Amino acid sequence: MNAANIPNSQEMIARLAEKTSLAGCKDVVINKFNTLIAQQMWAEAAEIAANSQDLRTKETLNQFISNGNVQGQRNPVLYYFKAIMAKVALND
């Protein structure tokens, strides 16, 4: 049996890669992130970025910033900061 015979196999592979940080999964996670950015799925992309050491970079932040405000919607960079803050504890 190969992955082509499994329904939603690419989605399953991407989710496994996000959760495990296994060697060789970096490209899968980055591709999933880029797909979500292209689809303007900011919250989902932000979650992936917050969970990936490879995506917590200035370039990623700039991707959220460069998309600016869309009338009537939250600024995409706020999703990124919210996801990061959920992963990191603040000092008391």
PDB file of N, CA and C in Angstrom:
ATOM      1  N   MET A   1       0.857  -1.175   0.000  1.00  0.00           N
ATOM      2  CA  MET A   1       0.000   0.000   0.000  1.00  0.00           C
ATOM      3  C   MET A   1       0.898   1.231   0.000  1.00  0.00           C
ATOM      4  N   ASN A   2       0.570   2.193  -0.836  1.00  0.00           N
ATOM      5  CA  ASN A   2       1.324   3.442  -0.810  1.00  0.00           C
ATOM      6  C   ASN A   2       0.422   4.590  -0.394  1.00  0.00           C
ATOM      7  N   ALA A   3       1.030   5.753  -0.126  1.00  0.00           N
ATOM      8  CA  ALA A   3       0.282   6.900   0.395  1.00  0.00           C
ATOM      9  C   ALA A   3      -0.787   7.386  -0.579  1.00  0.00           C
ATOM     10  N   ALA A   4      -0.620   7.133  -1.861  1.00  0.00           N
ATOM     11  CA  ALA A   4      -1.604   7.585  -2.850  1.00  0.00           C
ATOM     12  C   ALA A   4      -2.948   6.881  -2.670  1.00  0.00           C
ATOM     13  N   ASN A   5      -2.943   5.707  -2.064  1.00  0.00           N
ATOM     14  CA  ASN A   5      -4.172   4.945  -1.860  1.00  0.00           C
ATOM     15  C   ASN A   5      -4.910   5.318  -0.577  1.00  0.00           C
ATOM     16  N   ILE A   6      -4.327   6.172   0.226  1.00  0.00           N
ATOM     17  CA  ILE A   6      -4.929   6.563   1.498  1.00  0.00           C
ATOM     18  C   ILE A   6      -5.590   7.925   1.324  1.00  0.00           C
ATOM     19  N   PRO A   7      -6.897   8.030   1.593  1.00  0.00           N
ATOM     20  CA  PRO A   7      -7.569   9.324   1.472  1.00  0.00           C
ATOM     21  C   PRO A   7      -6.917  10.354   2.395  1.00  0.00           C
ATOM     22  N   ASN A   8      -6.759  11.580   1.893  1.00  0.00           N
ATOM     23  CA  ASN A   8      -6.167  12.685   2.663  1.00  0.00           C
ATOM     24  C   ASN A   8      -4.769  12.372   3.175  1.00  0.00           C
ATOM     25  N   SER A   9      -4.007  11.564   2.449  1.00  0.00           N
ATOM     26  CA  SER A   9      -2.685  11.163   2.928  1.00  0.00           C
ATOM     27  C   SER A   9      -1.749  12.357   3.078  1.00  0.00           C
ATOM     28  N   GLN A  10      -1.800  13.304   2.166  1.00  0.00           N
ATOM     29  CA  GLN A  10      -0.912  14.466   2.269  1.00  0.00           C
ATOM     30  C   GLN A  10      -1.226  15.289   3.509  1.00  0.00           C
ATOM     31  N   GLU A  11      -2.509  15.411   3.822  1.00  0.00           N
ATOM     32  CA  GLU A  11      -2.909  16.137   5.031  1.00  0.00           C
ATOM     33  C   GLU A  11      -2.428  15.389   6.277  1.00  0.00           C
ATOM     34  N   MET A  12      -2.550  14.079   6.275  1.00  0.00           N
ATOM     35  CA  MET A  12      -2.094  13.280   7.409  1.00  0.00           C
ATOM     36  C   MET A  12      -0.583  13.384   7.573  1.00  0.00           C
ATOM     37  N   ILE A  13       0.151  13.347   6.483  1.00  0.00           N
ATOM     38  CA  ILE A  13       1.606  13.471   6.527  1.00  0.00           C
ATOM     39  C   ILE A  13       2.000  14.830   7.075  1.00  0.00           C
ATOM     40  N   ALA A  14       1.330  15.883   6.622  1.00  0.00           N
ATOM     41  CA  ALA A  14       1.633  17.230   7.101  1.00  0.00           C
ATOM     42  C   ALA A  14       1.371  17.355   8.595  1.00  0.00           C
ATOM     43  N   ARG A  15       0.257  16.813   9.067  1.00  0.00           N
ATOM     44  CA  ARG A  15      -0.063  16.891  10.502  1.00  0.00           C
ATOM     45  C   ARG A  15       0.944  16.114  11.342  1.00  0.00           C
ATOM     46  N   LEU A  16       1.346  14.963  10.859  1.00  0.00           N
ATOM     47  CA  LEU A  16       2.345  14.173  11.571  1.00  0.00           C
ATOM     48  C   LEU A  16       3.679  14.921  11.616  1.00  0.00           C
ATOM     49  N   ALA A  17       4.048  15.526  10.508  1.00  0.00           N
ATOM     50  CA  ALA A  17       5.296  16.290  10.455  1.00  0.00           C
ATOM     51  C   ALA A  17       5.263  17.474  11.421  1.00  0.00           C
ATOM     52  N   GLU A  18       4.132  18.157  11.490  1.00  0.00           N
ATOM     53  CA  GLU A  18       3.988  19.294  12.411  1.00  0.00           C
ATOM     54  C   GLU A  18       4.162  18.866  13.857  1.00  0.00           C
ATOM     55  N   LYS A  19       3.595  17.730  14.215  1.00  0.00           N
ATOM     56  CA  LYS A  19       3.565  17.286  15.606  1.00  0.00           C
ATOM     57  C   LYS A  19       4.871  16.659  16.078  1.00  0.00           C
ATOM     58  N   THR A  20       5.636  16.064  15.167  1.00  0.00           N
ATOM     59  CA  THR A  20       6.772  15.256  15.597  1.00  0.00           C
ATOM     60  C   THR A  20       8.131  15.915  15.462  1.00  0.00           C
ATOM     61  N   SER A  21       8.295  16.858  14.573  1.00  0.00           N
ATOM     62  CA  SER A  21       9.602  17.488  14.314  1.00  0.00           C
ATOM     63  C   SER A  21      10.659  16.454  13.935  1.00  0.00           C
ATOM     64  N   LEU A  22      10.259  15.427  13.238  1.00  0.00           N
ATOM     65  CA  LEU A  22      11.203  14.406  12.807  1.00  0.00           C
ATOM     66  C   LEU A  22      12.120  14.942  11.720  1.00  0.00           C
ATOM     67  N   ALA A  23      13.341  14.416  11.682  1.00  0.00           N
ATOM     68  CA  ALA A  23      14.272  14.799  10.635  1.00  0.00           C
ATOM     69  C   ALA A  23      13.648  14.468   9.281  1.00  0.00           C
ATOM     70  N   GLY A  24      13.808  15.347   8.339  1.00  0.00           N
ATOM     71  CA  GLY A  24      13.245  15.135   7.014  1.00  0.00           C
ATOM     72  C   GLY A  24      11.848  15.681   6.834  1.00  0.00           C
ATOM     73  N   CYS A  25      11.237  16.165   7.897  1.00  0.00           N
ATOM     74  CA  CYS A  25       9.871  16.691   7.826  1.00  0.00           C
ATOM     75  C   CYS A  25       9.826  18.197   7.600  1.00  0.00           C
ATOM     76  N   LYS A  26      10.969  18.835   7.661  1.00  0.00           N
ATOM     77  CA  LYS A  26      11.029  20.297   7.545  1.00  0.00           C
ATOM     78  C   LYS A  26      10.319  20.791   6.286  1.00  0.00           C
ATOM     79  N   ASP A  27      10.593  20.180   5.150  1.00  0.00           N
ATOM     80  CA  ASP A  27       9.991  20.625   3.891  1.00  0.00           C
ATOM     81  C   ASP A  27       8.477  20.459   3.890  1.00  0.00           C
ATOM     82  N   VAL A  28       7.991  19.394   4.492  1.00  0.00           N
ATOM     83  CA  VAL A  28       6.547  19.165   4.553  1.00  0.00           C
ATOM     84  C   VAL A  28       5.876  20.267   5.350  1.00  0.00           C
ATOM     85  N   VAL A  29       6.464  20.620   6.496  1.00  0.00           N
ATOM     86  CA  VAL A  29       5.898  21.662   7.353  1.00  0.00           C
ATOM     87  C   VAL A  29       5.946  23.013   6.653  1.00  0.00           C
ATOM     88  N   ILE A  30       7.075  23.327   6.038  1.00  0.00           N
ATOM     89  CA  ILE A  30       7.213  24.614   5.341  1.00  0.00           C
ATOM     90  C   ILE A  30       6.248  24.701   4.164  1.00  0.00           C
ATOM     91  N   ASN A  31       6.082  23.626   3.430  1.00  0.00           N
ATOM     92  CA  ASN A  31       5.125  23.622   2.313  1.00  0.00           C
ATOM     93  C   ASN A  31       3.699  23.832   2.803  1.00  0.00           C
ATOM     94  N   LYS A  32       3.337  23.183   3.906  1.00  0.00           N
ATOM     95  CA  LYS A  32       1.996  23.353   4.483  1.00  0.00           C
ATOM     96  C   LYS A  32       1.804  24.807   4.918  1.00  0.00           C
ATOM     97  N   PHE A  33       2.801  25.377   5.577  1.00  0.00           N
ATOM     98  CA  PHE A  33       2.748  26.771   6.000  1.00  0.00           C
ATOM     99  C   PHE A  33       2.550  27.696   4.794  1.00  0.00           C
ATOM    100  N   ASN A  34       3.352  27.504   3.759  1.00  0.00           N
ATOM    101  CA  ASN A  34       3.248  28.354   2.563  1.00  0.00           C
ATOM    102  C   ASN A  34       1.891  28.228   1.885  1.00  0.00           C
ATOM    103  N   THR A  35       1.339  27.030   1.881  1.00  0.00           N
ATOM    104  CA  THR A  35       0.004  26.823   1.310  1.00  0.00           C
ATOM    105  C   THR A  35      -1.039  27.599   2.101  1.00  0.00           C
ATOM    106  N   LEU A  36      -0.957  27.540   3.422  1.00  0.00           N
ATOM    107  CA  LEU A  36      -1.918  28.257   4.263  1.00  0.00           C
ATOM    108  C   LEU A  36      -1.779  29.773   4.107  1.00  0.00           C
ATOM    109  N   ILE A  37      -0.555  30.266   3.999  1.00  0.00           N
ATOM    110  CA  ILE A  37      -0.333  31.706   3.769  1.00  0.00           C
ATOM    111  C   ILE A  37      -0.963  32.112   2.440  1.00  0.00           C
ATOM    112  N   ALA A  38      -0.744  31.319   1.405  1.00  0.00           N
ATOM    113  CA  ALA A  38      -1.300  31.629   0.084  1.00  0.00           C
ATOM    114  C   ALA A  38      -2.827  31.639   0.106  1.00  0.00           C
ATOM    115  N   GLN A  39      -3.411  30.803   0.960  1.00  0.00           N
ATOM    116  CA  GLN A  39      -4.870  30.734   1.086  1.00  0.00           C
ATOM    117  C   GLN A  39      -5.409  31.741   2.107  1.00  0.00           C
ATOM    118  N   GLN A  40      -4.514  32.541   2.675  1.00  0.00           N
ATOM    119  CA  GLN A  40      -4.846  33.543   3.681  1.00  0.00           C
ATOM    120  C   GLN A  40      -5.531  32.917   4.900  1.00  0.00           C
ATOM    121  N   MET A  41      -5.072  31.757   5.271  1.00  0.00           N
ATOM    122  CA  MET A  41      -5.566  31.066   6.463  1.00  0.00           C
ATOM    123  C   MET A  41      -4.589  31.379   7.592  1.00  0.00           C
ATOM    124  N   TRP A  42      -4.694  32.624   8.099  1.00  0.00           N
ATOM    125  CA  TRP A  42      -3.703  33.183   9.018  1.00  0.00           C
ATOM    126  C   TRP A  42      -3.594  32.414  10.329  1.00  0.00           C
ATOM    127  N   ALA A  43      -4.685  32.076  10.949  1.00  0.00           N
ATOM    128  CA  ALA A  43      -4.637  31.400  12.242  1.00  0.00           C
ATOM    129  C   ALA A  43      -3.954  30.037  12.122  1.00  0.00           C
ATOM    130  N   GLU A  44      -4.281  29.294  11.094  1.00  0.00           N
ATOM    131  CA  GLU A  44      -3.694  27.975  10.888  1.00  0.00           C
ATOM    132  C   GLU A  44      -2.200  28.082  10.580  1.00  0.00           C
ATOM    133  N   ALA A  45      -1.841  29.039   9.735  1.00  0.00           N
ATOM    134  CA  ALA A  45      -0.426  29.257   9.401  1.00  0.00           C
ATOM    135  C   ALA A  45       0.354  29.686  10.638  1.00  0.00           C
ATOM    136  N   ALA A  46      -0.251  30.522  11.461  1.00  0.00           N
ATOM    137  CA  ALA A  46       0.407  30.996  12.678  1.00  0.00           C
ATOM    138  C   ALA A  46       0.665  29.846  13.643  1.00  0.00           C
ATOM    139  N   GLU A  47      -0.279  28.927  13.764  1.00  0.00           N
ATOM    140  CA  GLU A  47      -0.096  27.766  14.640  1.00  0.00           C
ATOM    141  C   GLU A  47       1.081  26.918  14.179  1.00  0.00           C
ATOM    142  N   ILE A  48       1.168  26.700  12.887  1.00  0.00           N
ATOM    143  CA  ILE A  48       2.285  25.913  12.357  1.00  0.00           C
ATOM    144  C   ILE A  48       3.601  26.633  12.625  1.00  0.00           C
ATOM    145  N   ALA A  49       3.632  27.937  12.384  1.00  0.00           N
ATOM    146  CA  ALA A  49       4.853  28.710  12.615  1.00  0.00           C
ATOM    147  C   ALA A  49       5.265  28.674  14.081  1.00  0.00           C
ATOM    148  N   ALA A  50       4.308  28.791  14.978  1.00  0.00           N
ATOM    149  CA  ALA A  50       4.615  28.796  16.410  1.00  0.00           C
ATOM    150  C   ALA A  50       5.177  27.449  16.868  1.00  0.00           C
ATOM    151  N   ASN A  51       4.773  26.388  16.204  1.00  0.00           N
ATOM    152  CA  ASN A  51       5.221  25.046  16.576  1.00  0.00           C
ATOM    153  C   ASN A  51       6.491  24.606  15.873  1.00  0.00           C
ATOM    154  N   SER A  52       6.991  25.405  14.947  1.00  0.00           N
ATOM    155  CA  SER A  52       8.148  25.016  14.148  1.00  0.00           C
ATOM    156  C   SER A  52       9.325  25.939  14.411  1.00  0.00           C
ATOM    157  N   GLN A  53      10.404  25.381  14.903  1.00  0.00           N
ATOM    158  CA  GLN A  53      11.623  26.154  15.126  1.00  0.00           C
ATOM    159  C   GLN A  53      12.099  26.773  13.814  1.00  0.00           C
ATOM    160  N   ASP A  54      11.931  26.065  12.715  1.00  0.00           N
ATOM    161  CA  ASP A  54      12.384  26.545  11.410  1.00  0.00           C
ATOM    162  C   ASP A  54      11.578  27.733  10.902  1.00  0.00           C
ATOM    163  N   LEU A  55      10.368  27.910  11.400  1.00  0.00           N
ATOM    164  CA  LEU A  55       9.511  28.997  10.919  1.00  0.00           C
ATOM    165  C   LEU A  55       9.438  30.186  11.874  1.00  0.00           C
ATOM    166  N   ARG A  56      10.074  30.103  13.010  1.00  0.00           N
ATOM    167  CA  ARG A  56      10.080  31.247  13.931  1.00  0.00           C
ATOM    168  C   ARG A  56      11.252  32.150  13.564  1.00  0.00           C
ATOM    169  N   THR A  57      11.069  32.856  12.441  1.00  0.00           N
ATOM    170  CA  THR A  57      12.132  33.697  11.882  1.00  0.00           C
ATOM    171  C   THR A  57      11.585  35.072  11.508  1.00  0.00           C
ATOM    172  N   LYS A  58      12.501  35.978  11.205  1.00  0.00           N
ATOM    173  CA  LYS A  58      12.104  37.304  10.729  1.00  0.00           C
ATOM    174  C   LYS A  58      11.342  37.198   9.410  1.00  0.00           C
ATOM    175  N   GLU A  59      11.741  36.262   8.570  1.00  0.00           N
ATOM    176  CA  GLU A  59      11.079  36.098   7.278  1.00  0.00           C
ATOM    177  C   GLU A  59       9.612  35.706   7.462  1.00  0.00           C
ATOM    178  N   THR A  60       9.362  34.821   8.403  1.00  0.00           N
ATOM    179  CA  THR A  60       7.982  34.418   8.680  1.00  0.00           C
ATOM    180  C   THR A  60       7.187  35.596   9.217  1.00  0.00           C
ATOM    181  N   LEU A  61       7.750  36.311  10.168  1.00  0.00           N
ATOM    182  CA  LEU A  61       7.086  37.503  10.705  1.00  0.00           C
ATOM    183  C   LEU A  61       6.774  38.481   9.590  1.00  0.00           C
ATOM    184  N   ASN A  62       7.715  38.680   8.689  1.00  0.00           N
ATOM    185  CA  ASN A  62       7.503  39.607   7.568  1.00  0.00           C
ATOM    186  C   ASN A  62       6.408  39.132   6.619  1.00  0.00           C
ATOM    187  N   GLN A  63       6.228  37.822   6.500  1.00  0.00           N
ATOM    188  CA  GLN A  63       5.133  37.318   5.671  1.00  0.00           C
ATOM    189  C   GLN A  63       3.781  37.734   6.251  1.00  0.00           C
ATOM    190  N   PHE A  64       3.660  37.669   7.554  1.00  0.00           N
ATOM    191  CA  PHE A  64       2.416  38.098   8.193  1.00  0.00           C
ATOM    192  C   PHE A  64       2.261  39.616   8.109  1.00  0.00           C
ATOM    193  N   ILE A  65       3.344  40.344   8.355  1.00  0.00           N
ATOM    194  CA  ILE A  65       3.293  41.804   8.310  1.00  0.00           C
ATOM    195  C   ILE A  65       2.952  42.300   6.917  1.00  0.00           C
ATOM    196  N   SER A  66       3.563  41.719   5.903  1.00  0.00           N
ATOM    197  CA  SER A  66       3.401  42.206   4.527  1.00  0.00           C
ATOM    198  C   SER A  66       1.980  42.058   3.997  1.00  0.00           C
ATOM    199  N   ASN A  67       1.192  41.231   4.639  1.00  0.00           N
ATOM    200  CA  ASN A  67      -0.187  41.063   4.182  1.00  0.00           C
ATOM    201  C   ASN A  67      -1.113  42.141   4.715  1.00  0.00           C
ATOM    202  N   GLY A  68      -0.620  42.937   5.653  1.00  0.00           N
ATOM    203  CA  GLY A  68      -1.329  44.120   6.124  1.00  0.00           C
ATOM    204  C   GLY A  68      -2.756  43.875   6.561  1.00  0.00           C
ATOM    205  N   ASN A  69      -3.471  44.959   6.654  1.00  0.00           N
ATOM    206  CA  ASN A  69      -4.868  44.893   7.086  1.00  0.00           C
ATOM    207  C   ASN A  69      -5.803  44.645   5.910  1.00  0.00           C
ATOM    208  N   VAL A  70      -6.776  43.814   6.148  1.00  0.00           N
ATOM    209  CA  VAL A  70      -7.872  43.618   5.216  1.00  0.00           C
ATOM    210  C   VAL A  70      -9.100  44.202   5.908  1.00  0.00           C
ATOM    211  N   GLN A  71      -9.795  45.054   5.214  1.00  0.00           N
ATOM    212  CA  GLN A  71     -10.939  45.749   5.802  1.00  0.00           C
ATOM    213  C   GLN A  71     -11.867  44.775   6.524  1.00  0.00           C
ATOM    214  N   GLY A  72     -12.129  45.050   7.790  1.00  0.00           N
ATOM    215  CA  GLY A  72     -13.059  44.243   8.561  1.00  0.00           C
ATOM    216  C   GLY A  72     -12.482  42.958   9.121  1.00  0.00           C
ATOM    217  N   GLN A  73     -11.171  42.729   8.926  1.00  0.00           N
ATOM    218  CA  GLN A  73     -10.552  41.516   9.446  1.00  0.00           C
ATOM    219  C   GLN A  73      -9.383  41.872  10.346  1.00  0.00           C
ATOM    220  N   ARG A  74      -9.038  40.953  11.209  1.00  0.00           N
ATOM    221  CA  ARG A  74      -7.885  41.124  12.095  1.00  0.00           C
ATOM    222  C   ARG A  74      -6.603  41.135  11.261  1.00  0.00           C
ATOM    223  N   ASN A  75      -5.648  41.955  11.662  1.00  0.00           N
ATOM    224  CA  ASN A  75      -4.357  41.997  10.989  1.00  0.00           C
ATOM    225  C   ASN A  75      -3.684  40.626  11.123  1.00  0.00           C
ATOM    226  N   PRO A  76      -3.176  40.053  10.035  1.00  0.00           N
ATOM    227  CA  PRO A  76      -2.578  38.724  10.083  1.00  0.00           C
ATOM    228  C   PRO A  76      -1.451  38.576  11.111  1.00  0.00           C
ATOM    229  N   VAL A  77      -0.684  39.626  11.340  1.00  0.00           N
ATOM    230  CA  VAL A  77       0.424  39.517  12.287  1.00  0.00           C
ATOM    231  C   VAL A  77      -0.076  39.260  13.709  1.00  0.00           C
ATOM    232  N   LEU A  78      -1.293  39.670  14.013  1.00  0.00           N
ATOM    233  CA  LEU A  78      -1.847  39.405  15.343  1.00  0.00           C
ATOM    234  C   LEU A  78      -2.063  37.908  15.580  1.00  0.00           C
ATOM    235  N   TYR A  79      -2.413  37.181  14.532  1.00  0.00           N
ATOM    236  CA  TYR A  79      -2.543  35.725  14.660  1.00  0.00           C
ATOM    237  C   TYR A  79      -1.197  35.102  15.011  1.00  0.00           C
ATOM    238  N   TYR A  80      -0.154  35.610  14.368  1.00  0.00           N
ATOM    239  CA  TYR A  80       1.195  35.092  14.616  1.00  0.00           C
ATOM    240  C   TYR A  80       1.600  35.334  16.064  1.00  0.00           C
ATOM    241  N   PHE A  81       1.432  36.574  16.545  1.00  0.00           N
ATOM    242  CA  PHE A  81       1.817  36.884  17.913  1.00  0.00           C
ATOM    243  C   PHE A  81       0.981  36.108  18.932  1.00  0.00           C
ATOM    244  N   LYS A  82      -0.283  35.938  18.654  1.00  0.00           N
ATOM    245  CA  LYS A  82      -1.151  35.171  19.559  1.00  0.00           C
ATOM    246  C   LYS A  82      -0.665  33.723  19.664  1.00  0.00           C
ATOM    247  N   ALA A  83      -0.327  33.121  18.525  1.00  0.00           N
ATOM    248  CA  ALA A  83       0.138  31.733  18.526  1.00  0.00           C
ATOM    249  C   ALA A  83       1.478  31.608  19.252  1.00  0.00           C
ATOM    250  N   ILE A  84       2.367  32.558  19.054  1.00  0.00           N
ATOM    251  CA  ILE A  84       3.665  32.529  19.736  1.00  0.00           C
ATOM    252  C   ILE A  84       3.472  32.680  21.247  1.00  0.00           C
ATOM    253  N   MET A  85       2.628  33.629  21.638  1.00  0.00           N
ATOM    254  CA  MET A  85       2.402  33.867  23.062  1.00  0.00           C
ATOM    255  C   MET A  85       1.749  32.670  23.746  1.00  0.00           C
ATOM    256  N   ALA A  86       0.980  31.910  23.023  1.00  0.00           N
ATOM    257  CA  ALA A  86       0.375  30.712  23.601  1.00  0.00           C
ATOM    258  C   ALA A  86       1.423  29.638  23.896  1.00  0.00           C
ATOM    259  N   LYS A  87       2.564  29.711  23.227  1.00  0.00           N
ATOM    260  CA  LYS A  87       3.619  28.719  23.400  1.00  0.00           C
ATOM    261  C   LYS A  87       4.658  29.117  24.432  1.00  0.00           C
ATOM    262  N   VAL A  88       4.722  30.407  24.767  1.00  0.00           N
ATOM    263  CA  VAL A  88       5.765  30.926  25.623  1.00  0.00           C
ATOM    264  C   VAL A  88       5.155  31.546  26.876  1.00  0.00           C
ATOM    265  N   ALA A  89       5.681  31.217  28.023  1.00  0.00           N
ATOM    266  CA  ALA A  89       5.190  31.813  29.272  1.00  0.00           C
ATOM    267  C   ALA A  89       5.850  33.168  29.491  1.00  0.00           C
ATOM    268  N   LEU A  90       5.077  34.125  29.947  1.00  0.00           N
ATOM    269  CA  LEU A  90       5.610  35.438  30.271  1.00  0.00           C
ATOM    270  C   LEU A  90       6.251  35.410  31.657  1.00  0.00           C
ATOM    271  N   ASN A  91       7.209  36.289  31.864  1.00  0.00           N
ATOM    272  CA  ASN A  91       7.793  36.444  33.211  1.00  0.00           C
ATOM    273  C   ASN A  91       6.755  37.106  34.109  1.00  0.00           C
ATOM    274  N   ASP A  92       6.726  36.713  35.365  1.00  0.00           N
ATOM    275  CA  ASP A  92       5.804  37.329  36.324  1.00  0.00           C
ATOM    276  C   ASP A  92       6.292  38.689  36.746  1.00  0.00           C
TER     277      ASP A  92
END
